[in-house]
Amino acid sequence: MYDHVGLKVKDLDASIKFYKAALAPLGYEAGSSDETSASFSAEDGSSFYLYAGKASGGAHVAFRAGEREAVDRFHRGGKAAGGRDNGKPGVRKDYSPTYYAAFLTDPDGNNIEAVCMT
């Protein structure tokens, strides 16, 4: 379990739109934002931050989902908000018999995953 993660993004507004749509099904709510940053938080206390700046892409962040339908909603919502499909929702038997995940590429080229282990 992590406490917080932050990513640099080139277009803060586009990234806020993407992450609001993708993370809402996983229980993350948008928090404070200004012209340089934005935050999202979950009930468990974990936080996710976006920082305007020179984005490098290439990061992989996986968010835990409580149910498989939340993974599906993450994928649909993220695609509708500008993310690109990087792996449709489904069981990844090569990871584990119950590893249900979906992958999106965010507006900066990061690999963003939602995973449910049940």
N, C-alpha and C. Protein backbone atom coordinates (compact mmCIF):
# COMPACT_ATOMS: atom_id res chain seq x y z
N MET A 1 0.85 -1.17 0.00
CA MET A 1 0.00 0.00 0.00
C MET A 1 0.89 1.23 0.00
N TYR A 2 0.53 2.18 -0.78
CA TYR A 2 1.30 3.42 -0.83
C TYR A 2 0.54 4.53 -0.11
N ASP A 3 1.26 5.57 0.25
CA ASP A 3 0.65 6.74 0.86
C ASP A 3 0.27 7.75 -0.22
N HIS A 4 1.22 8.06 -1.12
CA HIS A 4 0.92 8.98 -2.21
C HIS A 4 1.86 8.76 -3.38
N VAL A 5 1.38 9.14 -4.55
CA VAL A 5 2.15 9.07 -5.79
C VAL A 5 1.91 10.38 -6.52
N GLY A 6 2.94 10.90 -7.17
CA GLY A 6 2.79 12.11 -7.97
C GLY A 6 3.41 11.94 -9.33
N LEU A 7 2.76 12.49 -10.35
CA LEU A 7 3.26 12.46 -11.72
C LEU A 7 3.34 13.87 -12.27
N LYS A 8 4.38 14.15 -13.04
CA LYS A 8 4.45 15.40 -13.78
C LYS A 8 3.66 15.21 -15.07
N VAL A 9 2.89 16.22 -15.45
CA VAL A 9 2.06 16.15 -16.65
C VAL A 9 2.25 17.41 -17.48
N LYS A 10 2.15 17.28 -18.79
CA LYS A 10 2.37 18.44 -19.67
C LYS A 10 1.12 19.30 -19.80
N ASP A 11 -0.08 18.70 -19.72
CA ASP A 11 -1.34 19.44 -19.85
C ASP A 11 -2.19 19.10 -18.63
N LEU A 12 -2.13 19.95 -17.63
CA LEU A 12 -2.80 19.67 -16.36
C LEU A 12 -4.30 19.51 -16.54
N ASP A 13 -4.93 20.36 -17.33
CA ASP A 13 -6.38 20.26 -17.51
C ASP A 13 -6.79 18.94 -18.16
N ALA A 14 -6.06 18.51 -19.19
CA ALA A 14 -6.36 17.23 -19.85
C ALA A 14 -6.16 16.07 -18.88
N SER A 15 -5.13 16.15 -18.07
CA SER A 15 -4.86 15.07 -17.12
C SER A 15 -5.91 15.03 -16.01
N ILE A 16 -6.35 16.20 -15.53
CA ILE A 16 -7.41 16.23 -14.52
C ILE A 16 -8.66 15.57 -15.09
N LYS A 17 -9.03 15.90 -16.30
CA LYS A 17 -10.21 15.30 -16.94
C LYS A 17 -10.07 13.78 -17.02
N PHE A 18 -8.92 13.30 -17.49
CA PHE A 18 -8.68 11.86 -17.60
C PHE A 18 -8.76 11.18 -16.24
N TYR A 19 -8.03 11.68 -15.25
CA TYR A 19 -7.98 11.01 -13.95
C TYR A 19 -9.29 11.11 -13.18
N LYS A 20 -10.04 12.19 -13.34
CA LYS A 20 -11.36 12.25 -12.70
C LYS A 20 -12.23 11.10 -13.20
N ALA A 21 -12.25 10.90 -14.50
CA ALA A 21 -13.08 9.84 -15.09
C ALA A 21 -12.56 8.45 -14.76
N ALA A 22 -11.26 8.25 -14.83
CA ALA A 22 -10.69 6.92 -14.61
C ALA A 22 -10.69 6.51 -13.14
N LEU A 23 -10.45 7.45 -12.23
CA LEU A 23 -10.30 7.10 -10.82
C LEU A 23 -11.59 7.13 -10.01
N ALA A 24 -12.61 7.81 -10.49
CA ALA A 24 -13.88 7.85 -9.74
C ALA A 24 -14.43 6.46 -9.46
N PRO A 25 -14.42 5.52 -10.42
CA PRO A 25 -14.93 4.18 -10.12
C PRO A 25 -14.10 3.42 -9.07
N LEU A 26 -12.89 3.91 -8.82
CA LEU A 26 -12.01 3.25 -7.85
C LEU A 26 -12.06 3.93 -6.48
N GLY A 27 -12.95 4.90 -6.34
CA GLY A 27 -13.15 5.55 -5.05
C GLY A 27 -12.30 6.78 -4.81
N TYR A 28 -11.64 7.30 -5.83
CA TYR A 28 -10.83 8.51 -5.68
C TYR A 28 -11.67 9.73 -6.02
N GLU A 29 -11.54 10.75 -5.20
CA GLU A 29 -12.25 12.01 -5.43
C GLU A 29 -11.24 13.11 -5.70
N ALA A 30 -11.61 14.02 -6.59
CA ALA A 30 -10.75 15.17 -6.86
C ALA A 30 -10.70 16.06 -5.63
N GLY A 31 -9.53 16.57 -5.36
CA GLY A 31 -9.35 17.47 -4.22
C GLY A 31 -8.97 18.84 -4.70
N SER A 32 -8.01 19.43 -4.05
CA SER A 32 -7.60 20.79 -4.41
C SER A 32 -6.85 20.80 -5.73
N SER A 33 -6.93 21.94 -6.41
CA SER A 33 -6.16 22.12 -7.63
C SER A 33 -5.94 23.61 -7.85
N ASP A 34 -4.87 23.92 -8.55
CA ASP A 34 -4.58 25.28 -8.97
C ASP A 34 -3.88 25.18 -10.32
N GLU A 35 -3.22 26.23 -10.76
CA GLU A 35 -2.59 26.19 -12.09
C GLU A 35 -1.34 25.31 -12.14
N THR A 36 -0.85 24.84 -10.99
CA THR A 36 0.38 24.04 -10.98
C THR A 36 0.19 22.59 -10.53
N SER A 37 -0.96 22.27 -9.92
CA SER A 37 -1.12 20.92 -9.40
C SER A 37 -2.58 20.57 -9.14
N ALA A 38 -2.82 19.28 -8.96
CA ALA A 38 -4.16 18.78 -8.61
C ALA A 38 -3.98 17.54 -7.76
N SER A 39 -4.97 17.29 -6.90
CA SER A 39 -4.88 16.12 -6.04
C SER A 39 -6.15 15.28 -6.11
N PHE A 40 -5.98 13.99 -5.82
CA PHE A 40 -7.08 13.03 -5.73
C PHE A 40 -6.82 12.21 -4.48
N SER A 41 -7.88 11.84 -3.78
CA SER A 41 -7.68 11.04 -2.57
C SER A 41 -8.76 9.96 -2.46
N ALA A 42 -8.40 8.91 -1.72
CA ALA A 42 -9.30 7.78 -1.50
C ALA A 42 -9.60 7.67 -0.01
N GLU A 43 -10.63 6.89 0.31
CA GLU A 43 -11.02 6.71 1.71
C GLU A 43 -9.92 6.11 2.57
N ASP A 44 -9.06 5.29 1.97
CA ASP A 44 -8.00 4.66 2.75
C ASP A 44 -6.86 5.62 3.09
N GLY A 45 -6.97 6.87 2.64
CA GLY A 45 -5.96 7.87 2.94
C GLY A 45 -4.89 8.03 1.88
N SER A 46 -4.89 7.17 0.88
CA SER A 46 -3.89 7.31 -0.18
C SER A 46 -4.24 8.50 -1.07
N SER A 47 -3.20 9.13 -1.60
CA SER A 47 -3.38 10.31 -2.44
C SER A 47 -2.61 10.16 -3.74
N PHE A 48 -3.11 10.84 -4.76
CA PHE A 48 -2.50 10.85 -6.07
C PHE A 48 -2.43 12.30 -6.53
N TYR A 49 -1.23 12.73 -6.97
CA TYR A 49 -1.01 14.13 -7.31
C TYR A 49 -0.57 14.26 -8.76
N LEU A 50 -0.99 15.35 -9.38
CA LEU A 50 -0.54 15.74 -10.71
C LEU A 50 0.16 17.08 -10.58
N TYR A 51 1.32 17.20 -11.24
CA TYR A 51 2.10 18.43 -11.20
C TYR A 51 2.36 18.90 -12.62
N ALA A 52 2.03 20.14 -12.91
CA ALA A 52 2.33 20.70 -14.23
C ALA A 52 3.83 20.81 -14.38
N GLY A 53 4.33 20.36 -15.51
CA GLY A 53 5.76 20.42 -15.75
C GLY A 53 6.13 19.61 -16.96
N LYS A 54 7.39 19.33 -17.08
CA LYS A 54 7.87 18.53 -18.20
C LYS A 54 7.62 17.06 -17.88
N ALA A 55 6.66 16.49 -18.58
CA ALA A 55 6.29 15.09 -18.35
C ALA A 55 7.28 14.18 -19.08
N SER A 56 7.62 13.07 -18.43
CA SER A 56 8.54 12.13 -19.06
C SER A 56 7.82 10.87 -19.52
N GLY A 57 6.62 10.60 -19.01
CA GLY A 57 5.91 9.37 -19.38
C GLY A 57 6.69 8.15 -18.93
N GLY A 58 6.16 7.00 -19.20
CA GLY A 58 6.85 5.76 -18.90
C GLY A 58 6.62 5.20 -17.51
N ALA A 59 5.89 5.89 -16.66
CA ALA A 59 5.61 5.36 -15.32
C ALA A 59 4.49 4.33 -15.41
N HIS A 60 4.45 3.44 -14.45
CA HIS A 60 3.36 2.46 -14.32
C HIS A 60 2.79 2.61 -12.92
N VAL A 61 1.50 2.94 -12.85
CA VAL A 61 0.82 3.05 -11.57
C VAL A 61 -0.40 2.15 -11.62
N ALA A 62 -0.54 1.27 -10.63
CA ALA A 62 -1.69 0.37 -10.54
C ALA A 62 -2.54 0.76 -9.33
N PHE A 63 -3.84 0.92 -9.58
CA PHE A 63 -4.78 1.27 -8.53
C PHE A 63 -5.63 0.05 -8.21
N ARG A 64 -5.81 -0.25 -6.92
CA ARG A 64 -6.60 -1.38 -6.49
C ARG A 64 -8.09 -1.07 -6.63
N ALA A 65 -8.83 -2.03 -7.17
CA ALA A 65 -10.28 -1.92 -7.30
C ALA A 65 -10.93 -2.96 -6.41
N GLY A 66 -12.08 -2.61 -5.83
CA GLY A 66 -12.78 -3.53 -4.93
C GLY A 66 -13.59 -4.60 -5.64
N GLU A 67 -13.90 -4.36 -6.90
CA GLU A 67 -14.68 -5.33 -7.68
C GLU A 67 -14.32 -5.20 -9.15
N ARG A 68 -14.61 -6.26 -9.89
CA ARG A 68 -14.26 -6.27 -11.31
C ARG A 68 -15.01 -5.21 -12.09
N GLU A 69 -16.25 -4.93 -11.74
CA GLU A 69 -17.01 -3.91 -12.45
C GLU A 69 -16.34 -2.54 -12.33
N ALA A 70 -15.68 -2.27 -11.22
CA ALA A 70 -14.96 -1.00 -11.06
C ALA A 70 -13.80 -0.93 -12.06
N VAL A 71 -13.15 -2.04 -12.31
CA VAL A 71 -12.09 -2.09 -13.32
C VAL A 71 -12.67 -1.76 -14.69
N ASP A 72 -13.82 -2.35 -14.99
CA ASP A 72 -14.49 -2.08 -16.28
C ASP A 72 -14.84 -0.59 -16.41
N ARG A 73 -15.38 -0.01 -15.34
CA ARG A 73 -15.76 1.41 -15.36
C ARG A 73 -14.54 2.31 -15.49
N PHE A 74 -13.45 1.95 -14.82
CA PHE A 74 -12.17 2.66 -14.95
C PHE A 74 -11.77 2.72 -16.43
N HIS A 75 -11.82 1.59 -17.09
CA HIS A 75 -11.39 1.50 -18.48
C HIS A 75 -12.30 2.33 -19.40
N ARG A 76 -13.60 2.17 -19.23
CA ARG A 76 -14.55 2.94 -20.06
C ARG A 76 -14.41 4.44 -19.82
N GLY A 77 -14.40 4.83 -18.56
CA GLY A 77 -14.32 6.25 -18.23
C GLY A 77 -13.02 6.88 -18.67
N GLY A 78 -11.93 6.17 -18.47
CA GLY A 78 -10.62 6.70 -18.88
C GLY A 78 -10.50 6.86 -20.39
N LYS A 79 -11.02 5.90 -21.13
CA LYS A 79 -11.01 6.01 -22.60
C LYS A 79 -11.87 7.17 -23.06
N ALA A 80 -13.04 7.34 -22.46
CA ALA A 80 -13.93 8.43 -22.84
C ALA A 80 -13.33 9.79 -22.54
N ALA A 81 -12.39 9.84 -21.59
CA ALA A 81 -11.78 11.11 -21.18
C ALA A 81 -10.39 11.31 -21.80
N GLY A 82 -10.08 10.57 -22.86
CA GLY A 82 -8.84 10.82 -23.57
C GLY A 82 -7.74 9.81 -23.39
N GLY A 83 -7.95 8.79 -22.56
CA GLY A 83 -6.94 7.75 -22.41
C GLY A 83 -6.98 6.79 -23.59
N ARG A 84 -5.88 6.08 -23.80
CA ARG A 84 -5.83 5.08 -24.87
C ARG A 84 -5.79 3.68 -24.26
N ASP A 85 -6.51 2.77 -24.90
CA ASP A 85 -6.52 1.38 -24.44
C ASP A 85 -5.11 0.82 -24.48
N ASN A 86 -4.71 0.20 -23.38
CA ASN A 86 -3.41 -0.46 -23.31
C ASN A 86 -3.58 -1.87 -22.75
N GLY A 87 -4.81 -2.37 -22.79
CA GLY A 87 -5.14 -3.71 -22.30
C GLY A 87 -6.55 -3.73 -21.78
N LYS A 88 -7.45 -4.33 -22.53
CA LYS A 88 -8.87 -4.38 -22.17
C LYS A 88 -9.06 -5.12 -20.84
N PRO A 89 -10.17 -4.85 -20.14
CA PRO A 89 -10.45 -5.56 -18.88
C PRO A 89 -10.52 -7.07 -19.11
N GLY A 90 -9.90 -7.79 -18.20
CA GLY A 90 -9.95 -9.24 -18.27
C GLY A 90 -9.01 -9.88 -17.27
N VAL A 91 -9.14 -11.19 -17.15
CA VAL A 91 -8.27 -11.96 -16.26
C VAL A 91 -6.90 -12.10 -16.91
N ARG A 92 -5.86 -11.88 -16.14
CA ARG A 92 -4.48 -12.04 -16.61
C ARG A 92 -3.94 -13.31 -15.95
N LYS A 93 -4.24 -14.45 -16.53
CA LYS A 93 -3.88 -15.74 -15.93
C LYS A 93 -2.37 -15.89 -15.77
N ASP A 94 -1.59 -15.21 -16.61
CA ASP A 94 -0.14 -15.30 -16.46
C ASP A 94 0.36 -14.59 -15.21
N TYR A 95 -0.47 -13.69 -14.63
CA TYR A 95 -0.14 -13.03 -13.37
C TYR A 95 -0.65 -13.87 -12.20
N SER A 96 -1.94 -14.25 -12.28
CA SER A 96 -2.61 -15.02 -11.23
C SER A 96 -3.98 -15.42 -11.77
N PRO A 97 -4.54 -16.53 -11.30
CA PRO A 97 -5.86 -16.95 -11.79
C PRO A 97 -6.99 -15.96 -11.48
N THR A 98 -6.79 -15.07 -10.51
CA THR A 98 -7.83 -14.10 -10.14
C THR A 98 -7.42 -12.66 -10.43
N TYR A 99 -6.36 -12.44 -11.16
CA TYR A 99 -5.85 -11.09 -11.44
C TYR A 99 -6.66 -10.49 -12.58
N TYR A 100 -7.65 -9.67 -12.23
CA TYR A 100 -8.52 -9.03 -13.22
C TYR A 100 -8.08 -7.58 -13.33
N ALA A 101 -7.67 -7.17 -14.52
CA ALA A 101 -7.09 -5.84 -14.68
C ALA A 101 -7.44 -5.22 -16.03
N ALA A 102 -7.27 -3.92 -16.11
CA ALA A 102 -7.36 -3.17 -17.35
C ALA A 102 -6.26 -2.12 -17.32
N PHE A 103 -5.78 -1.77 -18.51
CA PHE A 103 -4.67 -0.83 -18.63
C PHE A 103 -5.03 0.29 -19.61
N LEU A 104 -4.64 1.50 -19.25
CA LEU A 104 -4.82 2.67 -20.10
C LEU A 104 -3.50 3.43 -20.19
N THR A 105 -3.29 4.08 -21.31
CA THR A 105 -2.19 5.01 -21.42
C THR A 105 -2.77 6.40 -21.21
N ASP A 106 -2.24 7.12 -20.23
CA ASP A 106 -2.76 8.46 -19.93
C ASP A 106 -2.27 9.47 -20.96
N PRO A 107 -2.71 10.71 -20.88
CA PRO A 107 -2.31 11.70 -21.89
C PRO A 107 -0.80 11.95 -21.99
N ASP A 108 -0.04 11.52 -21.00
CA ASP A 108 1.41 11.71 -21.02
C ASP A 108 2.20 10.44 -21.31
N GLY A 109 1.51 9.36 -21.64
CA GLY A 109 2.21 8.13 -21.99
C GLY A 109 2.48 7.20 -20.83
N ASN A 110 1.89 7.45 -19.67
CA ASN A 110 2.06 6.57 -18.52
C ASN A 110 1.09 5.40 -18.61
N ASN A 111 1.50 4.25 -18.14
CA ASN A 111 0.68 3.04 -18.12
C ASN A 111 -0.08 3.01 -16.79
N ILE A 112 -1.39 3.23 -16.86
CA ILE A 112 -2.22 3.30 -15.66
C ILE A 112 -3.11 2.07 -15.63
N GLU A 113 -3.11 1.38 -14.51
CA GLU A 113 -3.81 0.09 -14.37
C GLU A 113 -4.81 0.15 -13.23
N ALA A 114 -5.91 -0.57 -13.40
CA ALA A 114 -6.83 -0.87 -12.29
C ALA A 114 -6.83 -2.38 -12.17
N VAL A 115 -6.74 -2.89 -10.94
CA VAL A 115 -6.66 -4.33 -10.72
C VAL A 115 -7.55 -4.75 -9.56
N CYS A 116 -8.23 -5.87 -9.75
CA CYS A 116 -9.04 -6.51 -8.72
C CYS A 116 -8.52 -7.93 -8.59
N MET A 117 -8.24 -8.38 -7.38
CA MET A 117 -7.65 -9.70 -7.17
C MET A 117 -8.68 -10.77 -6.81
N THR A 118 -9.96 -10.46 -6.90
CA THR A 118 -10.96 -11.48 -6.55
C THR A 118 -11.79 -11.88 -7.77
